[in-house]
Amino acid sequence: MRKTATQQSGKIPAQPGPREVAPVQPAVPSDADAVIPGAGPSARPGERPTVRLRDAGPDDAPRYAPEWLELREGPDAAARAADLLDPLRIRLANLPGKAGLVIHDLGCGTGSMGRWLASRLDGPQHWILHDRDPYLLHFAAVASPRSAADGSRVTVETRRGDVGLLTPDALAGASLVTASALLDVLTRQEIDTLAAACTGAGCPALLTLSVAGRVELTPSDPLDAEIADAFNAHQRRGGLLGPDAVAAACEAFSERGATVRLHPSAWRLGPAESALTAQWLRGWVGAAVEERPELKERADRYLRDRLEACRAGELNVVVHHSDLLALSRPTGGAS
């Protein structure tokens, strides 16, 4: 079992969201070939970013940069499956107690899930933001929304911890568990642990934007499929599930009595998203080459051509994801 230190802050008053204060400006790496941390392979070969607490010192650079999360926030919001919200609202409306919602956001990053969801749910909300990176937790707390859909108050607190060690007791009193772009960086054991914690606490889970392993680029190129296959293999390194994660999560929740709903949630990237597309391309191709070095010469040519098309506004990309809503059987622990 991994060592982890879970630290909990006091309650932090909610602050204006990112559109009400000066937004983080997406950074352009000084090196034209650089990849913002989170968009592609880390500097350490074979290492993958997860929500686990790192065992390094204070100077260890974050593996998810706020600039990457800021770049993807708009397309993430546009992609998430709003069709899953009605069944979620019905479940939340039927929870016992009237004190408001308690929502745990796992691997919260800079808090984009809260900024998307809080204003779509009625009633007072208290968000508990989980991430291994205190730097990202600071961003999330400062830029959290202040009010729900009906104007009710939203408050937040932050916690550092390990999703692989969640228990039903840790979720006692939870109304909802959320996460975004999380499942595909977990192992099967961690997904089982997550499902057991949610179902044991009797709370629903809304888990969005898990990679599906399918990408469509227009215009197409003969190397598209080979790069995609190599990238998907890279996603599965170290026992992580990558594009197999959604199927594993459906199985894990269903086996524990939850009703599971799936909905597609693809990124649709065109000329307006060229900055994100360029970073995604560098990370996508870089991971493929790290997995299969024999691709390097052809992949370098491919990446140059794709980036040129991106700059010219001539490239469109669909990156397929899936959103999952698991409605666990309520227990006395839900509130």
Protein backbone atom coordinates (compact mmCIF):
# COMPACT_ATOMS: atom_id res chain seq x y z
CA MET A 1 0.00 0.00 0.00
CA ARG A 2 1.37 3.45 -0.92
CA LYS A 3 2.20 5.92 1.77
CA THR A 4 0.03 9.01 1.75
CA ALA A 5 -0.44 12.00 4.00
CA THR A 6 -3.92 13.45 3.95
CA GLN A 7 -4.08 17.08 4.99
CA GLN A 8 -7.32 19.05 5.32
CA SER A 9 -7.56 22.80 5.35
CA GLY A 10 -10.16 24.81 7.14
CA LYS A 11 -13.19 26.00 5.22
CA ILE A 12 -12.27 28.57 2.56
CA PRO A 13 -14.89 31.18 1.61
CA ALA A 14 -15.80 30.81 -2.05
CA GLN A 15 -14.29 33.42 -4.34
CA PRO A 16 -15.24 34.85 -7.73
CA GLY A 17 -14.91 32.45 -10.64
CA PRO A 18 -12.29 32.84 -13.38
CA ARG A 19 -14.54 34.97 -15.59
CA GLU A 20 -15.06 37.49 -12.76
CA VAL A 21 -11.37 38.00 -12.04
CA ALA A 22 -8.36 38.26 -14.31
CA PRO A 23 -8.12 34.85 -16.00
CA VAL A 24 -4.97 32.77 -16.17
CA GLN A 25 -3.53 33.42 -19.62
CA PRO A 26 -2.54 30.19 -21.39
CA ALA A 27 1.22 30.04 -21.49
CA VAL A 28 3.12 29.60 -24.73
CA PRO A 29 6.20 27.46 -24.01
CA SER A 30 9.41 29.32 -24.78
CA ASP A 31 10.63 26.31 -26.75
CA ALA A 32 8.44 25.89 -29.83
CA ASP A 33 8.58 22.13 -29.38
CA ALA A 34 7.85 22.16 -25.63
CA VAL A 35 4.78 20.51 -24.18
CA ILE A 36 2.96 22.08 -21.25
CA PRO A 37 3.02 19.61 -18.33
CA GLY A 38 -0.12 17.52 -18.52
CA ALA A 39 -0.47 17.67 -22.29
CA GLY A 40 2.05 14.91 -22.92
CA PRO A 41 4.73 12.67 -21.44
CA SER A 42 6.52 13.99 -18.37
CA ALA A 43 10.23 14.70 -18.34
CA ARG A 44 10.78 11.40 -16.53
CA PRO A 45 10.48 8.52 -18.99
CA GLY A 46 7.60 6.22 -18.19
CA GLU A 47 6.12 8.44 -15.47
CA ARG A 48 2.44 9.35 -15.75
CA PRO A 49 0.59 12.08 -13.87
CA THR A 50 -2.02 10.90 -11.39
CA VAL A 51 -3.76 12.28 -8.34
CA ARG A 52 -1.43 10.33 -6.05
CA LEU A 53 0.75 12.35 -3.73
CA ARG A 54 4.26 12.45 -5.09
CA ASP A 55 7.16 11.29 -2.93
CA ALA A 56 9.46 14.09 -4.08
CA GLY A 57 10.60 17.28 -2.42
CA PRO A 58 9.07 20.76 -2.55
CA ASP A 59 10.99 21.68 -5.72
CA ASP A 60 9.42 18.87 -7.76
CA ALA A 61 7.57 20.56 -10.64
CA PRO A 62 3.82 19.92 -10.90
CA ARG A 63 2.93 17.42 -13.61
CA TYR A 64 -0.32 19.19 -14.45
CA ALA A 65 0.34 22.86 -15.22
CA PRO A 66 -2.47 25.38 -14.63
CA GLU A 67 -1.83 26.63 -18.17
CA TRP A 68 -2.77 23.23 -19.61
CA LEU A 69 -5.91 23.01 -17.51
CA GLU A 70 -6.87 26.56 -18.52
CA LEU A 71 -6.39 25.74 -22.20
CA ARG A 72 -8.75 22.78 -22.00
CA GLU A 73 -11.40 24.24 -19.69
CA GLY A 74 -13.61 25.69 -22.44
CA PRO A 75 -13.61 22.58 -24.65
CA ASP A 76 -14.11 20.43 -21.53
CA ALA A 77 -17.18 22.45 -20.57
CA ALA A 78 -18.59 22.23 -24.09
CA ALA A 79 -17.99 18.46 -24.22
CA ARG A 80 -19.46 17.36 -20.87
CA ALA A 81 -22.74 15.50 -21.20
CA ALA A 82 -25.48 17.83 -19.96
CA ASP A 83 -27.97 15.02 -20.68
CA LEU A 84 -26.74 13.24 -17.54
CA LEU A 85 -27.71 16.16 -15.31
CA ASP A 86 -31.47 15.56 -15.23
CA PRO A 87 -31.21 12.04 -13.73
CA LEU A 88 -28.58 13.39 -11.35
CA ARG A 89 -30.82 16.26 -10.25
CA ILE A 90 -33.68 13.83 -9.60
CA ARG A 91 -31.44 11.69 -7.38
CA LEU A 92 -30.09 14.71 -5.50
CA ALA A 93 -33.59 16.11 -4.98
CA ASN A 94 -34.63 12.84 -3.34
CA LEU A 95 -31.73 12.66 -0.87
CA PRO A 96 -32.77 12.86 2.79
CA GLY A 97 -32.01 16.01 4.70
CA LYS A 98 -32.31 19.67 3.72
CA ALA A 99 -28.92 21.03 4.71
CA GLY A 100 -27.63 21.26 1.14
CA LEU A 101 -25.27 19.26 -1.04
CA VAL A 102 -21.82 18.01 -0.07
CA ILE A 103 -19.81 17.35 -3.23
CA HIS A 104 -16.38 15.70 -3.35
CA ASP A 105 -14.37 16.63 -6.48
CA LEU A 106 -11.53 14.13 -6.97
CA GLY A 107 -8.40 15.26 -8.79
CA CYS A 108 -9.93 18.72 -9.01
CA GLY A 109 -7.00 20.45 -10.72
CA THR A 110 -7.85 24.15 -10.88
CA GLY A 111 -11.52 23.47 -10.11
CA SER A 112 -13.07 23.47 -13.59
CA MET A 113 -15.66 20.83 -12.66
CA GLY A 114 -17.00 23.01 -9.86
CA ARG A 115 -17.15 26.03 -12.13
CA TRP A 116 -19.14 23.99 -14.65
CA LEU A 117 -21.45 22.07 -12.29
CA ALA A 118 -22.17 24.31 -9.30
CA SER A 119 -24.18 26.77 -11.39
CA ARG A 120 -26.22 23.91 -12.86
CA LEU A 121 -27.44 22.55 -9.50
CA ASP A 122 -29.89 24.19 -7.08
CA GLY A 123 -29.43 24.60 -3.36
CA PRO A 124 -26.55 25.34 -0.98
CA GLN A 125 -23.40 23.44 -1.87
CA HIS A 126 -20.20 22.63 -0.01
CA TRP A 127 -17.45 21.39 -2.34
CA ILE A 128 -14.55 19.34 -0.96
CA LEU A 129 -11.72 19.64 -3.48
CA HIS A 130 -9.20 16.78 -3.61
CA ASP A 131 -5.85 16.89 -5.41
CA ARG A 132 -2.30 15.82 -4.68
CA ASP A 133 -0.92 19.23 -5.74
CA PRO A 134 -1.29 22.13 -3.26
CA TYR A 135 -0.52 24.62 -6.04
CA LEU A 136 -3.54 23.46 -8.04
CA LEU A 137 -5.67 23.33 -4.90
CA HIS A 138 -4.89 27.00 -4.32
CA PHE A 139 -6.08 27.88 -7.83
CA ALA A 140 -9.23 25.81 -7.34
CA ALA A 141 -10.13 27.43 -4.03
CA VAL A 142 -9.52 31.00 -5.20
CA ALA A 143 -11.47 30.55 -8.46
CA SER A 144 -14.38 28.55 -7.06
CA PRO A 145 -17.93 29.72 -7.86
CA ARG A 146 -19.88 31.64 -5.23
CA SER A 147 -23.44 30.67 -6.03
CA ALA A 148 -25.60 27.78 -7.22
CA ALA A 149 -28.19 27.86 -10.02
CA ASP A 150 -30.81 29.34 -7.69
CA GLY A 151 -28.43 31.80 -6.04
CA SER A 152 -27.74 29.64 -2.97
CA ARG A 153 -24.30 29.91 -1.39
CA VAL A 154 -21.39 27.71 -2.48
CA THR A 155 -18.45 27.11 -0.13
CA VAL A 156 -15.28 25.05 -0.54
CA GLU A 157 -12.52 23.33 1.37
CA THR A 158 -9.41 21.59 0.08
CA ARG A 159 -7.84 18.23 0.87
CA ARG A 160 -4.68 16.46 -0.26
CA GLY A 161 -5.03 12.71 -0.56
CA ASP A 162 -4.98 9.57 -2.66
CA VAL A 163 -8.03 8.45 -4.60
CA GLY A 164 -6.74 4.89 -4.39
CA LEU A 165 -7.23 4.98 -0.62
CA LEU A 166 -10.80 6.34 -0.53
CA THR A 167 -13.21 4.58 1.80
CA PRO A 168 -16.95 4.84 2.41
CA ASP A 169 -16.11 6.49 5.73
CA ALA A 170 -14.18 9.23 3.89
CA LEU A 171 -17.34 9.93 1.90
CA ALA A 172 -19.73 9.80 4.85
CA GLY A 173 -22.33 12.51 4.37
CA ALA A 174 -21.44 12.99 0.70
CA SER A 175 -24.24 13.88 -1.71
CA LEU A 176 -22.14 13.44 -4.86
CA VAL A 177 -18.65 12.48 -6.06
CA THR A 178 -17.34 14.14 -9.20
CA ALA A 179 -14.18 13.90 -11.26
CA SER A 180 -12.98 15.02 -14.67
CA ALA A 181 -10.35 13.31 -16.83
CA LEU A 182 -9.55 10.98 -13.94
CA LEU A 183 -10.59 7.40 -14.68
CA ASP A 184 -8.05 6.82 -17.46
CA VAL A 185 -5.10 7.57 -15.15
CA LEU A 186 -6.23 4.98 -12.58
CA THR A 187 -5.49 1.28 -12.24
CA ARG A 188 -8.21 -1.35 -12.06
CA GLN A 189 -7.65 -1.65 -8.31
CA GLU A 190 -8.06 2.12 -7.87
CA ILE A 191 -11.27 2.11 -9.89
CA ASP A 192 -12.58 -0.75 -7.77
CA THR A 193 -11.68 1.24 -4.65
CA LEU A 194 -13.45 4.33 -6.00
CA ALA A 195 -16.58 2.34 -6.88
CA ALA A 196 -16.59 0.61 -3.50
CA ALA A 197 -16.26 3.95 -1.67
CA CYS A 198 -19.09 5.60 -3.62
CA THR A 199 -21.49 2.67 -3.44
CA GLY A 200 -20.61 2.03 0.20
CA ALA A 201 -21.49 5.63 1.02
CA GLY A 202 -24.62 5.44 -1.14
CA CYS A 203 -23.72 8.55 -3.16
CA PRO A 204 -23.88 9.02 -6.93
CA ALA A 205 -20.76 9.65 -9.00
CA LEU A 206 -20.44 11.87 -12.08
CA LEU A 207 -17.15 11.00 -13.79
CA THR A 208 -16.56 12.99 -16.94
CA LEU A 209 -14.16 13.19 -19.88
CA SER A 210 -12.49 9.78 -19.74
CA VAL A 211 -10.55 9.05 -22.92
CA ALA A 212 -12.23 6.59 -25.24
CA GLY A 213 -9.17 5.77 -27.35
CA ARG A 214 -10.59 7.16 -30.59
CA VAL A 215 -9.46 10.26 -32.45
CA GLU A 216 -10.59 11.70 -35.80
CA LEU A 217 -8.47 14.22 -37.68
CA THR A 218 -9.67 16.08 -40.79
CA PRO A 219 -8.03 15.96 -43.26
CA SER A 220 -6.91 12.41 -42.53
CA ASP A 221 -3.36 11.07 -42.81
CA PRO A 222 -2.19 7.46 -43.30
CA LEU A 223 -0.27 7.66 -40.01
CA ASP A 224 -3.29 8.65 -37.89
CA ALA A 225 -4.21 5.11 -36.86
CA GLU A 226 -0.64 4.08 -36.05
CA ILE A 227 -0.08 7.12 -33.84
CA ALA A 228 -3.41 6.50 -32.09
CA ASP A 229 -2.56 2.85 -31.40
CA ALA A 230 0.84 3.78 -29.96
CA PHE A 231 -0.69 6.51 -27.81
CA ASN A 232 -3.31 4.13 -26.44
CA ALA A 233 -0.57 1.64 -25.55
CA HIS A 234 1.27 4.45 -23.74
CA GLN A 235 -1.89 5.23 -21.78
CA ARG A 236 -1.88 1.66 -20.44
CA ARG A 237 1.67 1.81 -19.05
CA GLY A 238 2.24 0.82 -15.47
CA GLY A 239 -1.10 -0.93 -15.12
CA LEU A 240 -3.14 2.21 -15.83
CA LEU A 241 -6.34 1.57 -17.77
CA GLY A 242 -6.30 4.43 -20.27
CA PRO A 243 -9.05 3.84 -22.86
CA ASP A 244 -10.20 0.70 -21.02
CA ALA A 245 -11.11 2.68 -17.91
CA VAL A 246 -14.74 3.45 -18.70
CA ALA A 247 -15.62 -0.19 -19.31
CA ALA A 248 -13.84 -1.14 -16.07
CA ALA A 249 -15.70 1.56 -14.13
CA CYS A 250 -19.07 0.46 -15.55
CA GLU A 251 -18.33 -3.07 -14.42
CA ALA A 252 -17.08 -2.01 -10.98
CA PHE A 253 -20.12 0.15 -10.22
CA SER A 254 -22.65 -2.29 -11.72
CA GLU A 255 -21.25 -5.20 -9.72
CA ARG A 256 -21.93 -3.15 -6.56
CA GLY A 257 -25.55 -2.49 -7.44
CA ALA A 258 -25.30 0.97 -9.04
CA THR A 259 -27.25 2.01 -12.11
CA VAL A 260 -24.76 3.26 -14.70
CA ARG A 261 -25.43 5.66 -17.57
CA LEU A 262 -22.90 6.58 -20.26
CA HIS A 263 -22.87 9.48 -22.68
CA PRO A 264 -20.28 10.58 -25.28
CA SER A 265 -18.41 13.79 -24.51
CA ALA A 266 -16.02 14.48 -27.37
CA TRP A 267 -13.71 17.45 -27.76
CA ARG A 268 -14.44 19.11 -31.11
CA LEU A 269 -11.44 21.24 -31.91
CA GLY A 270 -11.34 23.64 -34.84
CA PRO A 271 -9.49 26.86 -35.72
CA ALA A 272 -10.82 28.63 -32.61
CA GLU A 273 -9.10 26.02 -30.38
CA SER A 274 -5.76 26.03 -32.23
CA ALA A 275 -3.67 26.65 -29.08
CA LEU A 276 -5.18 23.60 -27.38
CA THR A 277 -4.98 21.54 -30.57
CA ALA A 278 -1.27 22.31 -30.97
CA GLN A 279 -0.48 21.31 -27.39
CA TRP A 280 -2.65 18.20 -27.64
CA LEU A 281 -0.90 17.20 -30.90
CA ARG A 282 2.56 17.55 -29.36
CA GLY A 283 1.55 15.49 -26.36
CA TRP A 284 -0.32 12.87 -28.41
CA VAL A 285 2.53 12.32 -30.86
CA GLY A 286 5.16 12.57 -28.12
CA ALA A 287 3.53 9.80 -26.11
CA ALA A 288 3.25 7.63 -29.23
CA VAL A 289 6.96 8.04 -29.97
CA GLU A 290 7.90 7.39 -26.34
CA GLU A 291 5.96 4.13 -26.60
CA ARG A 292 7.31 3.16 -30.05
CA PRO A 293 10.62 4.93 -30.77
CA GLU A 294 10.75 3.41 -34.25
CA LEU A 295 7.98 5.86 -35.21
CA LYS A 296 10.15 8.92 -34.55
CA GLU A 297 11.26 9.83 -38.07
CA ARG A 298 7.81 9.49 -39.59
CA ALA A 299 6.14 11.00 -36.54
CA ASP A 300 8.37 14.10 -36.68
CA ARG A 301 7.25 14.72 -40.26
CA TYR A 302 3.66 14.02 -39.33
CA LEU A 303 3.74 16.44 -36.40
CA ARG A 304 5.31 19.23 -38.50
CA ASP A 305 2.60 18.84 -41.13
CA ARG A 306 -0.20 18.70 -38.56
CA LEU A 307 1.06 21.79 -36.70
CA GLU A 308 1.35 23.69 -39.96
CA ALA A 309 -2.25 22.80 -40.83
CA CYS A 310 -3.31 23.81 -37.31
CA ARG A 311 -1.65 27.22 -37.64
CA ALA A 312 -3.33 27.70 -41.02
CA GLY A 313 -6.76 26.92 -39.55
CA GLU A 314 -7.08 23.86 -41.78
CA LEU A 315 -7.17 21.10 -39.14
CA ASN A 316 -10.18 19.80 -37.23
CA VAL A 317 -9.87 17.19 -34.48
CA VAL A 318 -12.44 15.13 -32.61
CA VAL A 319 -11.06 13.53 -29.44
CA HIS A 320 -13.61 11.07 -28.12
CA HIS A 321 -14.37 10.86 -24.39
CA SER A 322 -17.11 9.30 -22.29
CA ASP A 323 -19.03 10.65 -19.30
CA LEU A 324 -20.33 8.22 -16.69
CA LEU A 325 -23.09 8.68 -14.13
CA ALA A 326 -23.30 5.96 -11.48
CA LEU A 327 -26.41 6.08 -9.30
CA SER A 328 -25.63 4.04 -6.22
CA ARG A 329 -28.34 2.67 -3.96
CA PRO A 330 -28.91 5.26 -1.22
CA THR A 331 -27.86 4.35 2.30
CA GLY A 332 -28.21 6.01 5.65
CA GLY A 333 -24.81 7.60 5.03
CA ALA A 334 -26.07 9.83 2.23
CA SER A 335 -27.27 13.29 3.05
